[in-house]
PDB file of N, CA and C in Angstrom:
ATOM      1  N   MET A   1      20.337  -2.215 -25.124  1.00  0.00           N
ATOM      2  CA  MET A   1      20.291  -1.986 -23.433  1.00  0.00           C
ATOM      3  C   MET A   1      19.439  -0.917 -22.929  1.00  0.00           C
ATOM      4  N   LEU A   2      18.250  -0.224 -23.978  1.00  0.00           N
ATOM      5  CA  LEU A   2      16.803   0.017 -23.487  1.00  0.00           C
ATOM      6  C   LEU A   2      16.169  -0.758 -22.778  1.00  0.00           C
ATOM      7  N   LYS A   3      16.140  -1.954 -23.010  1.00  0.00           N
ATOM      8  CA  LYS A   3      15.584  -3.060 -22.553  1.00  0.00           C
ATOM      9  C   LYS A   3      16.115  -3.172 -20.675  1.00  0.00           C
ATOM     10  N   LYS A   4      17.012  -3.240 -20.241  1.00  0.00           N
ATOM     11  CA  LYS A   4      18.091  -2.523 -19.119  1.00  0.00           C
ATOM     12  C   LYS A   4      17.191  -1.561 -18.362  1.00  0.00           C
ATOM     13  N   THR A   5      17.440  -0.159 -19.319  1.00  0.00           N
ATOM     14  CA  THR A   5      17.151   0.584 -18.504  1.00  0.00           C
ATOM     15  C   THR A   5      15.888   1.034 -18.429  1.00  0.00           C
ATOM     16  N   CYS A   6      14.792   0.508 -19.036  1.00  0.00           N
ATOM     17  CA  CYS A   6      13.285   0.867 -18.819  1.00  0.00           C
ATOM     18  C   CYS A   6      13.632  -0.273 -18.019  1.00  0.00           C
ATOM     19  N   LEU A   7      14.011  -1.576 -17.619  1.00  0.00           N
ATOM     20  CA  LEU A   7      13.624  -2.124 -15.923  1.00  0.00           C
ATOM     21  C   LEU A   7      14.200  -2.131 -14.818  1.00  0.00           C
ATOM     22  N   THR A   8      15.398  -0.879 -15.172  1.00  0.00           N
ATOM     23  CA  THR A   8      15.908  -0.592 -14.119  1.00  0.00           C
ATOM     24  C   THR A   8      14.873   1.107 -13.210  1.00  0.00           C
ATOM     25  N   LEU A   9      13.623   0.940 -15.134  1.00  0.00           N
ATOM     26  CA  LEU A   9      13.268   3.144 -14.034  1.00  0.00           C
ATOM     27  C   LEU A   9      12.389   2.190 -13.623  1.00  0.00           C
ATOM     28  N   ILE A  10      11.436   0.614 -13.441  1.00  0.00           N
ATOM     29  CA  ILE A  10      10.183   0.594 -13.335  1.00  0.00           C
ATOM     30  C   ILE A  10      10.351  -0.307 -12.045  1.00  0.00           C
ATOM     31  N   MET A  11      11.808  -0.288 -11.744  1.00  0.00           N
ATOM     32  CA  MET A  11      12.267  -0.536 -10.202  1.00  0.00           C
ATOM     33  C   MET A  11      12.022   0.059  -9.599  1.00  0.00           C
ATOM     34  N   LEU A  12      13.199   1.029 -10.174  1.00  0.00           N
ATOM     35  CA  LEU A  12      12.751   2.444  -9.187  1.00  0.00           C
ATOM     36  C   LEU A  12      11.727   3.247  -8.310  1.00  0.00           C
ATOM     37  N   LEU A  13      10.983   3.214  -9.531  1.00  0.00           N
ATOM     38  CA  LEU A  13       9.793   3.700  -9.083  1.00  0.00           C
ATOM     39  C   LEU A  13       8.268   2.680  -8.467  1.00  0.00           C
ATOM     40  N   LEU A  14       8.339   1.266  -8.638  1.00  0.00           N
ATOM     41  CA  LEU A  14       7.741   0.828  -8.108  1.00  0.00           C
ATOM     42  C   LEU A  14       8.721   0.550  -6.258  1.00  0.00           C
ATOM     43  N   SER A  15       9.365   0.784  -6.997  1.00  0.00           N
ATOM     44  CA  SER A  15      10.194   0.362  -4.971  1.00  0.00           C
ATOM     45  C   SER A  15      10.490   2.077  -3.893  1.00  0.00           C
ATOM     46  N   GLY A  16       9.119   2.807  -4.597  1.00  0.00           N
ATOM     47  CA  GLY A  16       8.890   3.664  -3.777  1.00  0.00           C
ATOM     48  C   GLY A  16       7.408   4.030  -3.965  1.00  0.00           C
ATOM     49  N   CYS A  17       6.566   3.350  -4.351  1.00  0.00           N
ATOM     50  CA  CYS A  17       5.538   3.173  -4.656  1.00  0.00           C
ATOM     51  C   CYS A  17       4.800   3.471  -3.693  1.00  0.00           C
ATOM     52  N   ALA A  18       3.690   4.701  -3.482  1.00  0.00           N
ATOM     53  CA  ALA A  18       2.498   4.824  -2.285  1.00  0.00           C
ATOM     54  C   ALA A  18       1.923   3.634  -2.184  1.00  0.00           C
ATOM     55  N   THR A  19       0.852   3.076  -3.364  1.00  0.00           N
ATOM     56  CA  THR A  19       0.800   1.975  -3.406  1.00  0.00           C
ATOM     57  C   THR A  19       1.301   0.489  -2.994  1.00  0.00           C
ATOM     58  N   ILE A  20       1.935   0.112  -3.453  1.00  0.00           N
ATOM     59  CA  ILE A  20       3.182  -0.876  -2.955  1.00  0.00           C
ATOM     60  C   ILE A  20       3.161  -1.254  -1.585  1.00  0.00           C
ATOM     61  N   THR A  21       3.606   0.146  -0.674  1.00  0.00           N
ATOM     62  CA  THR A  21       4.028   1.038   0.573  1.00  0.00           C
ATOM     63  C   THR A  21       2.499   0.197   1.190  1.00  0.00           C
ATOM     64  N   SER A  22       1.625   0.869   1.059  1.00  0.00           N
ATOM     65  CA  SER A  22       0.700   0.879   2.102  1.00  0.00           C
ATOM     66  C   SER A  22      -0.140  -0.569   1.371  1.00  0.00           C
ATOM     67  N   HIS A  23       0.386  -1.486   0.033  1.00  0.00           N
ATOM     68  CA  HIS A  23      -0.821  -2.734   1.048  1.00  0.00           C
ATOM     69  C   HIS A  23       0.968  -3.529   1.439  1.00  0.00           C
ATOM     70  N   THR A  24       1.842  -3.474   1.485  1.00  0.00           N
ATOM     71  CA  THR A  24       2.631  -3.868   2.504  1.00  0.00           C
ATOM     72  C   THR A  24       2.954  -3.868   3.584  1.00  0.00           C
ATOM     73  N   LEU A  25       2.595  -2.412   4.121  1.00  0.00           N
ATOM     74  CA  LEU A  25       3.089  -2.463   5.773  1.00  0.00           C
ATOM     75  C   LEU A  25       2.699  -2.326   6.633  1.00  0.00           C
ATOM     76  N   GLY A  26       2.316  -3.508   7.528  1.00  0.00           N
ATOM     77  CA  GLY A  26       1.587  -3.222   8.227  1.00  0.00           C
ATOM     78  C   GLY A  26       0.196  -3.808   8.389  1.00  0.00           C
ATOM     79  N   GLU A  27      -0.757  -3.709   9.248  1.00  0.00           N
ATOM     80  CA  GLU A  27      -2.480  -3.712   9.073  1.00  0.00           C
ATOM     81  C   GLU A  27      -2.967  -2.729   8.221  1.00  0.00           C
ATOM     82  N   ASN A  28      -3.497  -3.155   6.668  1.00  0.00           N
ATOM     83  CA  ASN A  28      -4.405  -2.124   6.335  1.00  0.00           C
ATOM     84  C   ASN A  28      -5.998  -1.856   6.548  1.00  0.00           C
ATOM     85  N   PRO A  29      -6.391  -0.051   7.346  1.00  0.00           N
ATOM     86  CA  PRO A  29      -7.399  -1.155   7.873  1.00  0.00           C
ATOM     87  C   PRO A  29      -8.619  -1.260   6.672  1.00  0.00           C
ATOM     88  N   LYS A  30      -9.882  -0.988   7.439  1.00  0.00           N
ATOM     89  CA  LYS A  30     -11.170  -1.814   6.682  1.00  0.00           C
ATOM     90  C   LYS A  30     -11.328  -1.393   5.172  1.00  0.00           C
ATOM     91  N   ASN A  31     -10.788   0.411   5.214  1.00  0.00           N
ATOM     92  CA  ASN A  31     -11.569   1.377   4.363  1.00  0.00           C
ATOM     93  C   ASN A  31     -10.936   2.042   3.969  1.00  0.00           C
ATOM     94  N   SER A  32      -9.112   1.035   3.068  1.00  0.00           N
ATOM     95  CA  SER A  32      -8.166   1.128   2.417  1.00  0.00           C
ATOM     96  C   SER A  32      -8.189   1.691   0.947  1.00  0.00           C
ATOM     97  N   PHE A  33      -8.958   2.155   0.499  1.00  0.00           N
ATOM     98  CA  PHE A  33      -9.601   2.431  -1.053  1.00  0.00           C
ATOM     99  C   PHE A  33      -9.065   3.044  -1.166  1.00  0.00           C
ATOM    100  N   TYR A  34      -8.134   3.296  -2.452  1.00  0.00           N
ATOM    101  CA  TYR A  34      -7.147   4.486  -3.093  1.00  0.00           C
ATOM    102  C   TYR A  34      -5.566   4.431  -1.907  1.00  0.00           C
ATOM    103  N   ALA A  35      -5.655   3.596  -1.000  1.00  0.00           N
ATOM    104  CA  ALA A  35      -4.955   4.236  -0.126  1.00  0.00           C
ATOM    105  C   ALA A  35      -3.111   4.434  -0.554  1.00  0.00           C
ATOM    106  N   GLY A  36      -2.989   4.452  -2.203  1.00  0.00           N
ATOM    107  CA  GLY A  36      -1.266   4.478  -1.802  1.00  0.00           C
ATOM    108  C   GLY A  36      -2.018   6.133  -2.397  1.00  0.00           C
ATOM    109  N   THR A  37      -2.913   6.414  -3.175  1.00  0.00           N
ATOM    110  CA  THR A  37      -3.313   7.953  -3.736  1.00  0.00           C
ATOM    111  C   THR A  37      -2.944   9.113  -2.799  1.00  0.00           C
ATOM    112  N   GLN A  38      -4.059   8.029  -1.367  1.00  0.00           N
ATOM    113  CA  GLN A  38      -4.391   9.634  -0.117  1.00  0.00           C
ATOM    114  C   GLN A  38      -2.978   9.703   0.236  1.00  0.00           C
ATOM    115  N   LEU A  39      -2.335   8.253   0.313  1.00  0.00           N
ATOM    116  CA  LEU A  39      -0.261   8.569   0.881  1.00  0.00           C
ATOM    117  C   LEU A  39       0.224   9.691   0.247  1.00  0.00           C
ATOM    118  N   ASP A  40       0.212   9.560  -0.896  1.00  0.00           N
ATOM    119  CA  ASP A  40       0.860  11.066  -1.809  1.00  0.00           C
ATOM    120  C   ASP A  40       0.367  11.295  -1.885  1.00  0.00           C
ATOM    121  N   TYR A  41      -1.078  12.080  -1.864  1.00  0.00           N
ATOM    122  CA  TYR A  41      -1.109  13.646  -1.431  1.00  0.00           C
ATOM    123  C   TYR A  41      -0.866  14.162  -0.642  1.00  0.00           C
ATOM    124  N   HIS A  42      -0.847  13.334   1.310  1.00  0.00           N
ATOM    125  CA  HIS A  42      -0.562  13.612   2.730  1.00  0.00           C
ATOM    126  C   HIS A  42       1.052  13.824   2.517  1.00  0.00           C
ATOM    127  N   MET A  43       1.967  13.723   1.056  1.00  0.00           N
ATOM    128  CA  MET A  43       2.874  14.047   2.188  1.00  0.00           C
ATOM    129  C   MET A  43       3.841  14.499   1.076  1.00  0.00           C
ATOM    130  N   LEU A  44       2.356  15.705  -0.132  1.00  0.00           N
ATOM    131  CA  LEU A  44       3.209  16.343  -1.254  1.00  0.00           C
ATOM    132  C   LEU A  44       3.828  17.327  -0.684  1.00  0.00           C
ATOM    133  N   HIS A  45       3.659  17.928   0.190  1.00  0.00           N
ATOM    134  CA  HIS A  45       4.560  19.015   1.249  1.00  0.00           C
ATOM    135  C   HIS A  45       5.917  18.361   1.613  1.00  0.00           C
ATOM    136  N   ASP A  46       5.827  17.365   1.370  1.00  0.00           N
ATOM    137  CA  ASP A  46       7.227  17.074   2.186  1.00  0.00           C
ATOM    138  C   ASP A  46       8.160  16.056   1.549  1.00  0.00           C
ATOM    139  N   CYS A  47       8.171  15.833   0.114  1.00  0.00           N
ATOM    140  CA  CYS A  47       9.009  14.984  -0.554  1.00  0.00           C
ATOM    141  C   CYS A  47       8.659  15.494  -2.513  1.00  0.00           C
ATOM    142  N   VAL A  48       9.176  15.818  -2.900  1.00  0.00           N
ATOM    143  CA  VAL A  48       9.150  16.083  -4.088  1.00  0.00           C
ATOM    144  C   VAL A  48       9.127  14.761  -5.119  1.00  0.00           C
ATOM    145  N   TRP A  49       9.299  13.711  -4.219  1.00  0.00           N
ATOM    146  CA  TRP A  49       8.926  12.263  -5.623  1.00  0.00           C
ATOM    147  C   TRP A  49       7.428  11.748  -5.828  1.00  0.00           C
ATOM    148  N   CYS A  50       6.954  12.539  -4.054  1.00  0.00           N
ATOM    149  CA  CYS A  50       4.905  12.388  -4.096  1.00  0.00           C
ATOM    150  C   CYS A  50       4.334  12.630  -5.494  1.00  0.00           C
ATOM    151  N   TRP A  51       4.808  14.059  -6.701  1.00  0.00           N
ATOM    152  CA  TRP A  51       4.500  14.588  -7.116  1.00  0.00           C
ATOM    153  C   TRP A  51       4.967  13.493  -9.186  1.00  0.00           C
ATOM    154  N   LEU A  52       5.762  12.970  -8.652  1.00  0.00           N
ATOM    155  CA  LEU A  52       5.912  11.766  -9.307  1.00  0.00           C
ATOM    156  C   LEU A  52       4.785  10.419  -9.295  1.00  0.00           C
ATOM    157  N   ASP A  53       4.807  10.459  -7.890  1.00  0.00           N
ATOM    158  CA  ASP A  53       4.824   9.411  -7.172  1.00  0.00           C
ATOM    159  C   ASP A  53       3.084   9.397  -7.849  1.00  0.00           C
ATOM    160  N   LEU A  54       2.548  10.170  -8.109  1.00  0.00           N
ATOM    161  CA  LEU A  54       1.325  10.427  -7.466  1.00  0.00           C
ATOM    162  C   LEU A  54       0.226  10.113  -8.464  1.00  0.00           C
ATOM    163  N   PRO A  55       0.320  10.192 -10.188  1.00  0.00           N
ATOM    164  CA  PRO A  55      -0.594   9.390 -11.153  1.00  0.00           C
ATOM    165  C   PRO A  55      -0.052   8.131 -11.138  1.00  0.00           C
ATOM    166  N   VAL A  56       0.857   7.391 -11.269  1.00  0.00           N
ATOM    167  CA  VAL A  56       1.264   6.065 -10.677  1.00  0.00           C
ATOM    168  C   VAL A  56       1.142   5.667  -9.524  1.00  0.00           C
ATOM    169  N   SER A  57       0.500   5.854  -8.939  1.00  0.00           N
ATOM    170  CA  SER A  57       0.007   5.111  -7.558  1.00  0.00           C
ATOM    171  C   SER A  57      -2.121   5.323  -7.915  1.00  0.00           C
ATOM    172  N   MET A  58      -2.180   6.342  -8.294  1.00  0.00           N
ATOM    173  CA  MET A  58      -3.591   6.260  -8.521  1.00  0.00           C
ATOM    174  C   MET A  58      -3.986   5.252  -9.623  1.00  0.00           C
ATOM    175  N   VAL A  59      -2.967   4.383 -10.475  1.00  0.00           N
ATOM    176  CA  VAL A  59      -3.687   3.815 -11.306  1.00  0.00           C
ATOM    177  C   VAL A  59      -3.326   2.811 -10.705  1.00  0.00           C
ATOM    178  N   GLY A  60      -1.767   2.322  -9.981  1.00  0.00           N
ATOM    179  CA  GLY A  60      -2.075   1.280  -9.422  1.00  0.00           C
ATOM    180  C   GLY A  60      -2.737   1.076  -8.377  1.00  0.00           C
ATOM    181  N   ASP A  61      -3.524   2.400  -7.866  1.00  0.00           N
ATOM    182  CA  ASP A  61      -4.982   1.950  -6.973  1.00  0.00           C
ATOM    183  C   ASP A  61      -6.575   1.197  -8.071  1.00  0.00           C
ATOM    184  N   THR A  62      -6.316   1.952  -8.514  1.00  0.00           N
ATOM    185  CA  THR A  62      -7.456   1.454  -9.520  1.00  0.00           C
ATOM    186  C   THR A  62      -7.393   0.042 -10.153  1.00  0.00           C
ATOM    187  N   LEU A  63      -6.288   0.222 -10.320  1.00  0.00           N
ATOM    188  CA  LEU A  63      -5.859  -1.727 -10.424  1.00  0.00           C
ATOM    189  C   LEU A  63      -5.682  -2.814  -9.231  1.00  0.00           C
ATOM    190  N   MET A  64      -6.082  -2.072  -8.455  1.00  0.00           N
ATOM    191  CA  MET A  64      -5.678  -2.849  -6.872  1.00  0.00           C
ATOM    192  C   MET A  64      -7.628  -2.750  -6.072  1.00  0.00           C
ATOM    193  N   LEU A  65      -8.180  -2.231  -6.986  1.00  0.00           N
ATOM    194  CA  LEU A  65      -9.289  -1.771  -6.541  1.00  0.00           C
ATOM    195  C   LEU A  65      -9.969  -3.389  -6.310  1.00  0.00           C
ATOM    196  N   PRO A  66     -10.447  -3.824  -7.387  1.00  0.00           N
ATOM    197  CA  PRO A  66     -10.744  -5.672  -6.370  1.00  0.00           C
ATOM    198  C   PRO A  66     -10.176  -5.899  -5.440  1.00  0.00           C
ATOM    199  N   PHE A  67      -8.561  -5.888  -4.871  1.00  0.00           N
ATOM    200  CA  PHE A  67      -8.726  -6.928  -3.622  1.00  0.00           C
ATOM    201  C   PHE A  67      -8.865  -5.651  -2.686  1.00  0.00           C
ATOM    202  N   ASP A  68      -8.540  -4.148  -2.498  1.00  0.00           N
ATOM    203  CA  ASP A  68      -9.878  -3.222  -1.750  1.00  0.00           C
ATOM    204  C   ASP A  68     -10.649  -4.170  -2.028  1.00  0.00           C
ATOM    205  N   THR A  69     -12.085  -3.861  -2.470  1.00  0.00           N
ATOM    206  CA  THR A  69     -13.363  -4.497  -2.576  1.00  0.00           C
ATOM    207  C   THR A  69     -13.393  -5.852  -1.598  1.00  0.00           C
ATOM    208  N   TRP A  70     -12.673  -6.688  -2.032  1.00  0.00           N
ATOM    209  CA  TRP A  70     -12.597  -7.504  -1.650  1.00  0.00           C
ATOM    210  C   TRP A  70     -12.298  -7.887  -0.211  1.00  0.00           C
ATOM    211  N   HIS A  71     -11.054  -7.420  -0.334  1.00  0.00           N
ATOM    212  CA  HIS A  71     -10.369  -7.653   1.532  1.00  0.00           C
ATOM    213  C   HIS A  71     -12.296  -6.556   2.203  1.00  0.00           C
ATOM    214  N   TYR A  72     -12.086  -5.546   1.700  1.00  0.00           N
ATOM    215  CA  TYR A  72     -13.709  -4.135   2.511  1.00  0.00           C
ATOM    216  C   TYR A  72     -15.111  -5.363   2.852  1.00  0.00           C
ATOM    217  N   TYR A  73     -14.773  -6.688   2.287  1.00  0.00           N
ATOM    218  CA  TYR A  73     -16.071  -6.840   2.500  1.00  0.00           C
ATOM    219  C   TYR A  73     -15.177  -8.534   3.319  1.00  0.00           C
ATOM    220  N   HIS A  74     -14.252  -8.524   3.748  1.00  0.00           N
ATOM    221  CA  HIS A  74     -14.072  -9.530   4.727  1.00  0.00           C
ATOM    222  C   HIS A  74     -13.442  -9.298   5.884  1.00  0.00           C
ATOM    223  N   THR A  75     -13.288  -8.668   5.689  1.00  0.00           N
ATOM    224  CA  THR A  75     -12.710  -7.823   7.224  1.00  0.00           C
ATOM    225  C   THR A  75     -13.583  -7.718   7.825  1.00  0.00           C
ATOM    226  N   PRO A  76     -13.857  -8.613   9.664  1.00  0.00           N
ATOM    227  CA  PRO A  76     -14.479  -8.296  10.000  1.00  0.00           C
ATOM    228  C   PRO A  76     -14.577  -6.100  10.458  1.00  0.00           C
ATOM    229  N   ASP A  77     -15.339  -6.002  11.477  1.00  0.00           N
ATOM    230  CA  ASP A  77     -16.053  -4.829  11.193  1.00  0.00           C
ATOM    231  C   ASP A  77     -14.995  -4.361  12.549  1.00  0.00           C
ATOM    232  N   ASN A  78     -14.806  -5.147  13.972  1.00  0.00           N
ATOM    233  CA  ASN A  78     -13.879  -5.536  14.796  1.00  0.00           C
ATOM    234  C   ASN A  78     -12.984  -6.611  14.753  1.00  0.00           C
ATOM    235  N   PRO A  79     -11.934  -5.951  14.627  1.00  0.00           N
ATOM    236  CA  PRO A  79     -11.229  -7.429  14.529  1.00  0.00           C
ATOM    237  C   PRO A  79     -10.661  -7.922  15.725  1.00  0.00           C
ATOM    238  N   ALA A  80     -10.608  -9.095  16.188  1.00  0.00           N
ATOM    239  CA  ALA A  80     -10.455  -9.725  17.293  1.00  0.00           C
ATOM    240  C   ALA A  80      -8.710  -9.491  17.451  1.00  0.00           C
ATOM    241  N   PRO A  81      -8.214  -9.408  18.970  1.00  0.00           N
ATOM    242  CA  PRO A  81      -7.312  -9.091  19.396  1.00  0.00           C
ATOM    243  C   PRO A  81      -6.601 -10.248  19.150  1.00  0.00           C
ATOM    244  N   PRO A  82      -5.098  -9.728  18.296  1.00  0.00           N
ATOM    245  CA  PRO A  82      -3.793 -11.321  18.832  1.00  0.00           C
ATOM    246  C   PRO A  82      -3.724 -12.023  20.398  1.00  0.00           C
ATOM    247  N   LEU A  83      -3.891 -13.450  19.767  1.00  0.00           N
ATOM    248  CA  LEU A  83      -3.631 -14.538  20.850  1.00  0.00           C
ATOM    249  C   LEU A  83      -2.378 -13.954  21.144  1.00  0.00           C
ATOM    250  N   SER A  84      -2.279 -13.566  22.838  1.00  0.00           N
ATOM    251  CA  SER A  84      -1.358 -14.221  23.467  1.00  0.00           C
ATOM    252  C   SER A  84      -0.825 -15.425  23.512  1.00  0.00           C
ATOM    253  N   PRO A  85       0.438 -15.403  23.489  1.00  0.00           N
ATOM    254  CA  PRO A  85       1.565 -17.193  23.691  1.00  0.00           C
ATOM    255  C   PRO A  85       0.471 -17.282  25.562  1.00  0.00           C
ATOM    256  N   PRO A  86       1.147 -18.440  25.523  1.00  0.00           N
ATOM    257  CA  PRO A  86       0.396 -20.320  26.752  1.00  0.00           C
ATOM    258  C   PRO A  86       1.449 -19.732  27.814  1.00  0.00           C
ATOM    259  N   GLU A  87       1.197 -18.745  29.080  1.00  0.00           N
ATOM    260  CA  GLU A  87       1.882 -19.214  29.647  1.00  0.00           C
ATOM    261  C   GLU A  87       2.817 -19.871  30.789  1.00  0.00           C
ATOM    262  N   LYS A  88       4.178 -20.319  30.663  1.00  0.00           N
ATOM    263  CA  LYS A  88       4.416 -21.418  31.064  1.00  0.00           C
ATOM    264  C   LYS A  88       4.055 -22.589  32.198  1.00  0.00           C
ATOM    265  N   VAL A  89       3.632 -23.288  32.567  1.00  0.00           N
ATOM    266  CA  VAL A  89       3.499 -24.199  34.164  1.00  0.00           C
ATOM    267  C   VAL A  89       5.008 -23.930  35.762  1.00  0.00           C
ATOM    268  N   LYS A  90       4.917 -23.830  35.700  1.00  0.00           N
ATOM    269  CA  LYS A  90       6.064 -24.159  36.360  1.00  0.00           C
ATOM    270  C   LYS A  90       5.546 -25.028  37.603  1.00  0.00           C
TER     271      LYS A  90
END
């Protein structure tokens, strides 16, 4: 029973985790260090949940720091625009 409760609590916390959200939605900017913590910080006045998520996001962002560093050095400064599909020939 305790294992199921802990697993459910962990799943609920991770579903709203700003670190997970900032690394999965859209394209991350080149300098996205501690993006989840920044997201929580900017949302503190809007939601109570962010106060609870802020310490979790700080730990998650610290764990993601090696990936963010790799992403920083392997992302070009000016990414090329996406290619448009070829036009149909009539």
